[in-house]
Amino acid sequence: MNVLLSIKPKFVKEIIDGNKRYEFRKVVFKNRDVTKVYIYSSSPEKQIVASFNIGDIIEDHPSKLWKRFKAQSGIKQKEFFSYFDGREKGFAIEIESLNRFEHPIDPKEHIPGFVPPQSFCYMNAPLKAEAQ
C-alpha cells in the first residue's frame, strides 16, 4: 500500500537535497502495510515530485525525536517544537530510496477527484505516470 504525503515545498527541497532524512508527523497511517510514500509538494507547487520507501517509523516524545534525529531533520529546532507543541508523542518516518521525478506529476490528471490531503491519504495503486 502507498500513501500520498502533503509536504511544504521548503521541506520537499530539504528532502531532495538530502538534508532531511526523516519526515516528522503528529500522526501516522494506521495501516502499517504502507511501504511507499509519494511526496505531494503543497501550494504553490501542487505537484507530486518524488517518492520514497519507508524505512523505520519511530514513535517517541518530540524532545527525544529531536535529540536523536536533529542532524538529519532538515528543519530548525524552533519550527520542530512549534509543530509538536503540546504533544506527548510524535513520529519520525525514515526516508529511504528517494526517487525524484524528472517530470512532476499533476495529481488532478492522474487521481480522479483529487483533493490535496491535509496530511496524507492512502493510494491503492502506484501512479501509472510515475516518472523515473
N, C-alpha and C. Protein backbone atom coordinates (compact mmCIF):
# COMPACT_ATOMS: atom_id res chain seq x y z
N MET A 1 0.85 -1.18 0.00
CA MET A 1 0.00 0.00 0.00
C MET A 1 0.89 1.24 0.00
N ASN A 2 0.37 2.30 -0.61
CA ASN A 2 1.09 3.56 -0.74
C ASN A 2 0.29 4.68 -0.09
N VAL A 3 1.00 5.76 0.25
CA VAL A 3 0.33 6.97 0.72
C VAL A 3 0.87 8.17 -0.04
N LEU A 4 0.05 9.19 -0.08
CA LEU A 4 0.45 10.48 -0.62
C LEU A 4 0.56 11.42 0.57
N LEU A 5 1.78 11.92 0.81
CA LEU A 5 2.02 12.84 1.92
C LEU A 5 2.11 14.26 1.39
N SER A 6 1.38 15.14 2.03
CA SER A 6 1.43 16.55 1.69
C SER A 6 2.56 17.18 2.52
N ILE A 7 3.53 17.79 1.80
CA ILE A 7 4.70 18.37 2.46
C ILE A 7 4.93 19.76 1.90
N LYS A 8 5.24 20.71 2.77
CA LYS A 8 5.52 22.08 2.31
C LYS A 8 6.75 22.09 1.41
N PRO A 9 6.71 22.92 0.35
CA PRO A 9 7.83 22.96 -0.60
C PRO A 9 9.21 23.16 0.01
N LYS A 10 9.33 23.96 1.06
CA LYS A 10 10.67 24.17 1.64
C LYS A 10 11.22 22.89 2.25
N PHE A 11 10.33 22.03 2.77
CA PHE A 11 10.79 20.76 3.33
C PHE A 11 11.02 19.73 2.23
N VAL A 12 10.25 19.82 1.15
CA VAL A 12 10.48 18.95 -0.01
C VAL A 12 11.90 19.20 -0.52
N LYS A 13 12.29 20.46 -0.61
CA LYS A 13 13.64 20.81 -1.07
C LYS A 13 14.69 20.20 -0.16
N GLU A 14 14.46 20.24 1.15
CA GLU A 14 15.41 19.65 2.11
C GLU A 14 15.52 18.14 1.93
N ILE A 15 14.39 17.49 1.61
CA ILE A 15 14.40 16.05 1.35
C ILE A 15 15.21 15.76 0.10
N ILE A 16 14.90 16.48 -0.98
CA ILE A 16 15.58 16.26 -2.25
C ILE A 16 17.08 16.56 -2.15
N ASP A 17 17.44 17.58 -1.39
CA ASP A 17 18.85 17.94 -1.20
C ASP A 17 19.59 16.97 -0.27
N GLY A 18 18.86 16.06 0.37
CA GLY A 18 19.47 15.07 1.25
C GLY A 18 19.69 15.53 2.68
N ASN A 19 19.20 16.71 3.03
CA ASN A 19 19.36 17.23 4.39
C ASN A 19 18.31 16.70 5.35
N LYS A 20 17.18 16.30 4.81
CA LYS A 20 16.06 15.82 5.62
C LYS A 20 15.88 14.33 5.33
N ARG A 21 16.32 13.51 6.27
CA ARG A 21 16.25 12.05 6.11
C ARG A 21 15.07 11.44 6.87
N TYR A 22 14.36 12.30 7.62
CA TYR A 22 13.18 11.86 8.37
C TYR A 22 12.06 12.88 8.17
N GLU A 23 10.87 12.37 7.95
CA GLU A 23 9.68 13.22 7.86
C GLU A 23 8.96 13.07 9.20
N PHE A 24 8.67 14.20 9.85
CA PHE A 24 8.05 14.18 11.17
C PHE A 24 6.56 14.41 11.06
N ARG A 25 5.81 13.64 11.84
CA ARG A 25 4.35 13.72 11.82
C ARG A 25 3.79 13.59 13.22
N LYS A 26 2.64 14.26 13.41
CA LYS A 26 1.92 14.14 14.68
C LYS A 26 1.17 12.82 14.73
N VAL A 27 0.70 12.39 13.59
CA VAL A 27 0.02 11.09 13.46
C VAL A 27 0.55 10.41 12.20
N VAL A 28 0.48 9.09 12.21
CA VAL A 28 0.85 8.33 11.01
C VAL A 28 -0.29 7.41 10.64
N PHE A 29 -0.12 6.79 9.54
CA PHE A 29 -1.13 5.89 8.99
C PHE A 29 -1.37 4.71 9.92
N LYS A 30 -2.64 4.39 10.11
CA LYS A 30 -2.99 3.24 10.94
C LYS A 30 -2.61 1.94 10.24
N ASN A 31 -2.71 1.95 8.91
CA ASN A 31 -2.35 0.78 8.13
C ASN A 31 -0.82 0.70 8.05
N ARG A 32 -0.25 -0.26 8.74
CA ARG A 32 1.21 -0.38 8.78
C ARG A 32 1.77 -1.19 7.59
N ASP A 33 0.90 -1.52 6.63
CA ASP A 33 1.36 -2.18 5.42
C ASP A 33 1.88 -1.18 4.39
N VAL A 34 1.83 0.10 4.74
CA VAL A 34 2.31 1.14 3.84
C VAL A 34 3.83 1.00 3.72
N THR A 35 4.32 0.94 2.47
CA THR A 35 5.75 0.80 2.24
C THR A 35 6.32 1.94 1.40
N LYS A 36 5.45 2.62 0.66
CA LYS A 36 5.92 3.66 -0.26
C LYS A 36 5.14 4.94 -0.04
N VAL A 37 5.86 6.06 -0.13
CA VAL A 37 5.27 7.38 0.03
C VAL A 37 5.50 8.18 -1.25
N TYR A 38 4.43 8.81 -1.73
CA TYR A 38 4.55 9.80 -2.79
C TYR A 38 4.55 11.17 -2.13
N ILE A 39 5.45 12.04 -2.56
CA ILE A 39 5.56 13.37 -1.98
C ILE A 39 4.77 14.36 -2.82
N TYR A 40 3.72 14.92 -2.19
CA TYR A 40 2.94 15.98 -2.81
C TYR A 40 3.46 17.29 -2.24
N SER A 41 4.10 18.08 -3.11
CA SER A 41 4.60 19.38 -2.69
C SER A 41 3.41 20.35 -2.71
N SER A 42 3.04 20.81 -1.54
CA SER A 42 1.81 21.61 -1.40
C SER A 42 1.95 22.99 -2.06
N SER A 43 0.96 23.81 -1.89
CA SER A 43 0.89 25.12 -2.52
C SER A 43 2.15 25.93 -2.24
N PRO A 44 2.70 26.59 -3.21
CA PRO A 44 2.13 26.88 -4.53
C PRO A 44 2.45 25.86 -5.62
N GLU A 45 3.29 24.84 -5.32
CA GLU A 45 3.68 23.89 -6.37
C GLU A 45 2.55 22.97 -6.81
N LYS A 46 1.90 22.33 -5.83
CA LYS A 46 0.75 21.45 -6.08
C LYS A 46 1.06 20.34 -7.08
N GLN A 47 2.21 19.70 -6.88
CA GLN A 47 2.67 18.62 -7.76
C GLN A 47 3.20 17.46 -6.93
N ILE A 48 3.11 16.26 -7.50
CA ILE A 48 3.76 15.09 -6.90
C ILE A 48 5.16 15.06 -7.51
N VAL A 49 6.17 15.22 -6.67
CA VAL A 49 7.52 15.46 -7.17
C VAL A 49 8.52 14.32 -6.94
N ALA A 50 8.16 13.38 -6.07
CA ALA A 50 9.09 12.30 -5.74
C ALA A 50 8.36 11.19 -4.99
N SER A 51 9.09 10.10 -4.79
CA SER A 51 8.58 9.03 -3.94
C SER A 51 9.75 8.49 -3.12
N PHE A 52 9.42 7.79 -2.06
CA PHE A 52 10.45 7.12 -1.28
C PHE A 52 9.88 5.90 -0.59
N ASN A 53 10.77 4.99 -0.22
CA ASN A 53 10.38 3.82 0.56
C ASN A 53 10.51 4.18 2.02
N ILE A 54 9.63 3.62 2.82
CA ILE A 54 9.66 3.87 4.26
C ILE A 54 10.65 2.91 4.90
N GLY A 55 11.58 3.48 5.68
CA GLY A 55 12.46 2.66 6.50
C GLY A 55 11.73 2.38 7.80
N ASP A 56 12.29 2.85 8.89
CA ASP A 56 11.64 2.70 10.19
C ASP A 56 10.65 3.84 10.42
N ILE A 57 9.66 3.57 11.25
CA ILE A 57 8.79 4.61 11.78
C ILE A 57 8.99 4.60 13.29
N ILE A 58 9.54 5.67 13.79
CA ILE A 58 9.88 5.75 15.21
C ILE A 58 8.86 6.63 15.92
N GLU A 59 8.26 6.08 16.97
CA GLU A 59 7.30 6.83 17.79
C GLU A 59 7.97 7.15 19.11
N ASP A 60 7.94 8.45 19.49
CA ASP A 60 8.58 8.83 20.75
C ASP A 60 8.14 10.25 21.12
N HIS A 61 8.56 10.70 22.27
CA HIS A 61 8.30 12.07 22.68
C HIS A 61 9.08 13.00 21.75
N PRO A 62 8.47 14.13 21.33
CA PRO A 62 9.17 15.03 20.41
C PRO A 62 10.59 15.41 20.84
N SER A 63 10.81 15.64 22.13
CA SER A 63 12.17 16.01 22.56
C SER A 63 13.16 14.89 22.30
N LYS A 64 12.72 13.65 22.43
CA LYS A 64 13.61 12.52 22.16
C LYS A 64 13.82 12.35 20.65
N LEU A 65 12.78 12.60 19.88
CA LEU A 65 12.94 12.55 18.42
C LEU A 65 13.95 13.60 17.97
N TRP A 66 13.83 14.81 18.53
CA TRP A 66 14.75 15.89 18.16
C TRP A 66 16.19 15.51 18.53
N LYS A 67 16.38 15.04 19.72
CA LYS A 67 17.72 14.68 20.19
C LYS A 67 18.34 13.62 19.27
N ARG A 68 17.53 12.68 18.86
CA ARG A 68 18.02 11.56 18.05
C ARG A 68 18.25 11.92 16.58
N PHE A 69 17.36 12.78 16.03
CA PHE A 69 17.38 12.99 14.58
C PHE A 69 17.64 14.43 14.12
N LYS A 70 18.00 15.32 15.02
CA LYS A 70 18.13 16.73 14.63
C LYS A 70 19.12 16.93 13.50
N ALA A 71 20.20 16.16 13.46
CA ALA A 71 21.21 16.33 12.41
C ALA A 71 20.69 15.92 11.04
N GLN A 72 19.61 15.14 11.01
CA GLN A 72 19.03 14.67 9.74
C GLN A 72 17.59 15.16 9.59
N SER A 73 17.24 16.23 10.31
CA SER A 73 15.85 16.66 10.35
C SER A 73 15.46 17.61 9.23
N GLY A 74 16.42 18.40 8.73
CA GLY A 74 16.12 19.38 7.69
C GLY A 74 15.15 20.46 8.13
N ILE A 75 15.08 20.68 9.43
CA ILE A 75 14.15 21.66 9.99
C ILE A 75 14.84 22.36 11.17
N LYS A 76 14.49 23.58 11.39
CA LYS A 76 15.06 24.32 12.51
C LYS A 76 14.38 23.87 13.81
N GLN A 77 15.14 23.93 14.90
CA GLN A 77 14.64 23.48 16.20
C GLN A 77 13.35 24.19 16.59
N LYS A 78 13.29 25.50 16.39
CA LYS A 78 12.10 26.26 16.77
C LYS A 78 10.87 25.78 16.01
N GLU A 79 11.02 25.57 14.70
CA GLU A 79 9.90 25.08 13.88
C GLU A 79 9.47 23.68 14.32
N PHE A 80 10.45 22.83 14.61
CA PHE A 80 10.17 21.47 15.04
C PHE A 80 9.29 21.47 16.29
N PHE A 81 9.73 22.21 17.31
CA PHE A 81 8.99 22.19 18.57
C PHE A 81 7.68 22.97 18.47
N SER A 82 7.61 23.94 17.61
CA SER A 82 6.35 24.63 17.36
C SER A 82 5.33 23.67 16.75
N TYR A 83 5.79 22.86 15.81
CA TYR A 83 4.92 21.86 15.16
C TYR A 83 4.36 20.86 16.18
N PHE A 84 5.21 20.42 17.09
CA PHE A 84 4.79 19.41 18.07
C PHE A 84 4.28 20.01 19.38
N ASP A 85 4.04 21.31 19.44
CA ASP A 85 3.63 21.99 20.66
C ASP A 85 2.46 21.28 21.35
N GLY A 86 2.67 20.94 22.61
CA GLY A 86 1.62 20.31 23.42
C GLY A 86 1.46 18.81 23.18
N ARG A 87 2.25 18.24 22.32
CA ARG A 87 2.14 16.81 22.01
C ARG A 87 3.07 15.99 22.89
N GLU A 88 2.57 14.85 23.30
CA GLU A 88 3.38 13.94 24.10
C GLU A 88 4.09 12.90 23.24
N LYS A 89 3.63 12.77 21.99
CA LYS A 89 4.30 11.82 21.11
C LYS A 89 4.31 12.36 19.69
N GLY A 90 5.27 11.87 18.95
CA GLY A 90 5.40 12.22 17.54
C GLY A 90 6.01 11.04 16.82
N PHE A 91 6.10 11.17 15.50
CA PHE A 91 6.62 10.10 14.67
C PHE A 91 7.69 10.62 13.73
N ALA A 92 8.71 9.82 13.53
CA ALA A 92 9.76 10.11 12.56
C ALA A 92 9.72 8.99 11.53
N ILE A 93 9.45 9.36 10.29
CA ILE A 93 9.38 8.38 9.20
C ILE A 93 10.71 8.45 8.44
N GLU A 94 11.42 7.35 8.42
CA GLU A 94 12.72 7.30 7.75
C GLU A 94 12.54 7.26 6.23
N ILE A 95 13.26 8.12 5.55
CA ILE A 95 13.20 8.24 4.09
C ILE A 95 14.31 7.38 3.49
N GLU A 96 13.91 6.37 2.71
CA GLU A 96 14.89 5.51 2.04
C GLU A 96 14.60 5.49 0.54
N SER A 97 15.61 5.30 -0.26
CA SER A 97 15.49 5.14 -1.72
C SER A 97 14.64 6.24 -2.35
N LEU A 98 15.05 7.48 -2.11
CA LEU A 98 14.33 8.61 -2.69
C LEU A 98 14.40 8.57 -4.20
N ASN A 99 13.27 8.78 -4.85
CA ASN A 99 13.17 8.82 -6.31
C ASN A 99 12.57 10.15 -6.71
N ARG A 100 13.42 11.08 -7.11
CA ARG A 100 12.94 12.39 -7.57
C ARG A 100 12.46 12.24 -9.01
N PHE A 101 11.27 12.73 -9.28
CA PHE A 101 10.72 12.60 -10.62
C PHE A 101 11.31 13.65 -11.55
N GLU A 102 11.69 13.21 -12.72
CA GLU A 102 12.21 14.14 -13.72
C GLU A 102 11.13 15.14 -14.13
N HIS A 103 9.91 14.63 -14.21
CA HIS A 103 8.75 15.46 -14.57
C HIS A 103 7.72 15.34 -13.46
N PRO A 104 7.50 16.39 -12.66
CA PRO A 104 6.48 16.34 -11.61
C PRO A 104 5.12 15.94 -12.18
N ILE A 105 4.33 15.32 -11.34
CA ILE A 105 3.03 14.80 -11.74
C ILE A 105 1.94 15.71 -11.22
N ASP A 106 1.04 16.12 -12.11
CA ASP A 106 -0.14 16.88 -11.70
C ASP A 106 -1.16 15.85 -11.21
N PRO A 107 -1.43 15.82 -9.91
CA PRO A 107 -2.32 14.78 -9.38
C PRO A 107 -3.73 14.84 -9.96
N LYS A 108 -4.19 16.02 -10.35
CA LYS A 108 -5.54 16.14 -10.91
C LYS A 108 -5.68 15.41 -12.24
N GLU A 109 -4.55 15.17 -12.91
CA GLU A 109 -4.57 14.45 -14.18
C GLU A 109 -4.52 12.94 -13.99
N HIS A 110 -4.16 12.47 -12.79
CA HIS A 110 -3.96 11.04 -12.58
C HIS A 110 -4.77 10.42 -11.44
N ILE A 111 -5.35 11.26 -10.63
CA ILE A 111 -6.15 10.77 -9.50
C ILE A 111 -7.54 11.38 -9.61
N PRO A 112 -8.53 10.57 -9.98
CA PRO A 112 -9.89 11.11 -10.14
C PRO A 112 -10.40 11.80 -8.88
N GLY A 113 -10.94 13.01 -9.04
CA GLY A 113 -11.50 13.76 -7.92
C GLY A 113 -10.47 14.18 -6.89
N PHE A 114 -9.24 14.37 -7.31
CA PHE A 114 -8.16 14.68 -6.37
C PHE A 114 -8.45 15.94 -5.55
N VAL A 115 -8.25 15.79 -4.25
CA VAL A 115 -8.29 16.90 -3.30
C VAL A 115 -6.99 16.78 -2.50
N PRO A 116 -6.21 17.86 -2.40
CA PRO A 116 -4.95 17.76 -1.66
C PRO A 116 -5.20 17.29 -0.22
N PRO A 117 -4.43 16.30 0.23
CA PRO A 117 -4.63 15.82 1.60
C PRO A 117 -4.13 16.83 2.62
N GLN A 118 -4.84 16.94 3.73
CA GLN A 118 -4.41 17.80 4.83
C GLN A 118 -3.07 17.31 5.37
N SER A 119 -2.95 16.01 5.51
CA SER A 119 -1.72 15.40 5.98
C SER A 119 -1.27 14.30 5.00
N PHE A 120 -2.12 13.28 4.86
CA PHE A 120 -1.82 12.20 3.93
C PHE A 120 -3.12 11.54 3.49
N CYS A 121 -3.04 10.73 2.43
CA CYS A 121 -4.16 9.90 2.00
C CYS A 121 -3.59 8.60 1.45
N TYR A 122 -4.38 7.54 1.59
CA TYR A 122 -3.96 6.24 1.07
C TYR A 122 -4.14 6.19 -0.44
N MET A 123 -3.28 5.42 -1.08
CA MET A 123 -3.38 5.18 -2.52
C MET A 123 -3.31 3.67 -2.71
N ASN A 124 -4.31 3.12 -3.36
CA ASN A 124 -4.35 1.67 -3.53
C ASN A 124 -3.37 1.16 -4.57
N ALA A 125 -3.04 2.00 -5.55
CA ALA A 125 -2.14 1.58 -6.62
C ALA A 125 -1.07 2.63 -6.84
N PRO A 126 0.07 2.19 -7.38
CA PRO A 126 1.09 3.19 -7.70
C PRO A 126 0.62 4.10 -8.84
N LEU A 127 1.19 5.24 -8.94
CA LEU A 127 0.83 6.16 -10.02
C LEU A 127 1.32 5.59 -11.35
N LYS A 128 0.43 5.50 -12.30
CA LYS A 128 0.81 4.96 -13.60
C LYS A 128 1.77 5.87 -14.33
N ALA A 129 1.68 7.16 -14.03
CA ALA A 129 2.53 8.14 -14.73
C ALA A 129 3.82 8.43 -13.98
N GLU A 130 4.16 7.58 -13.01
CA GLU A 130 5.35 7.85 -12.20
C GLU A 130 6.58 7.95 -13.10
N ALA A 131 7.24 9.06 -12.98
CA ALA A 131 8.44 9.32 -13.79
C ALA A 131 9.66 8.70 -13.12
N GLN A 132 10.56 8.22 -13.89
CA GLN A 132 11.77 7.61 -13.35
C GLN A 132 12.96 8.49 -13.62
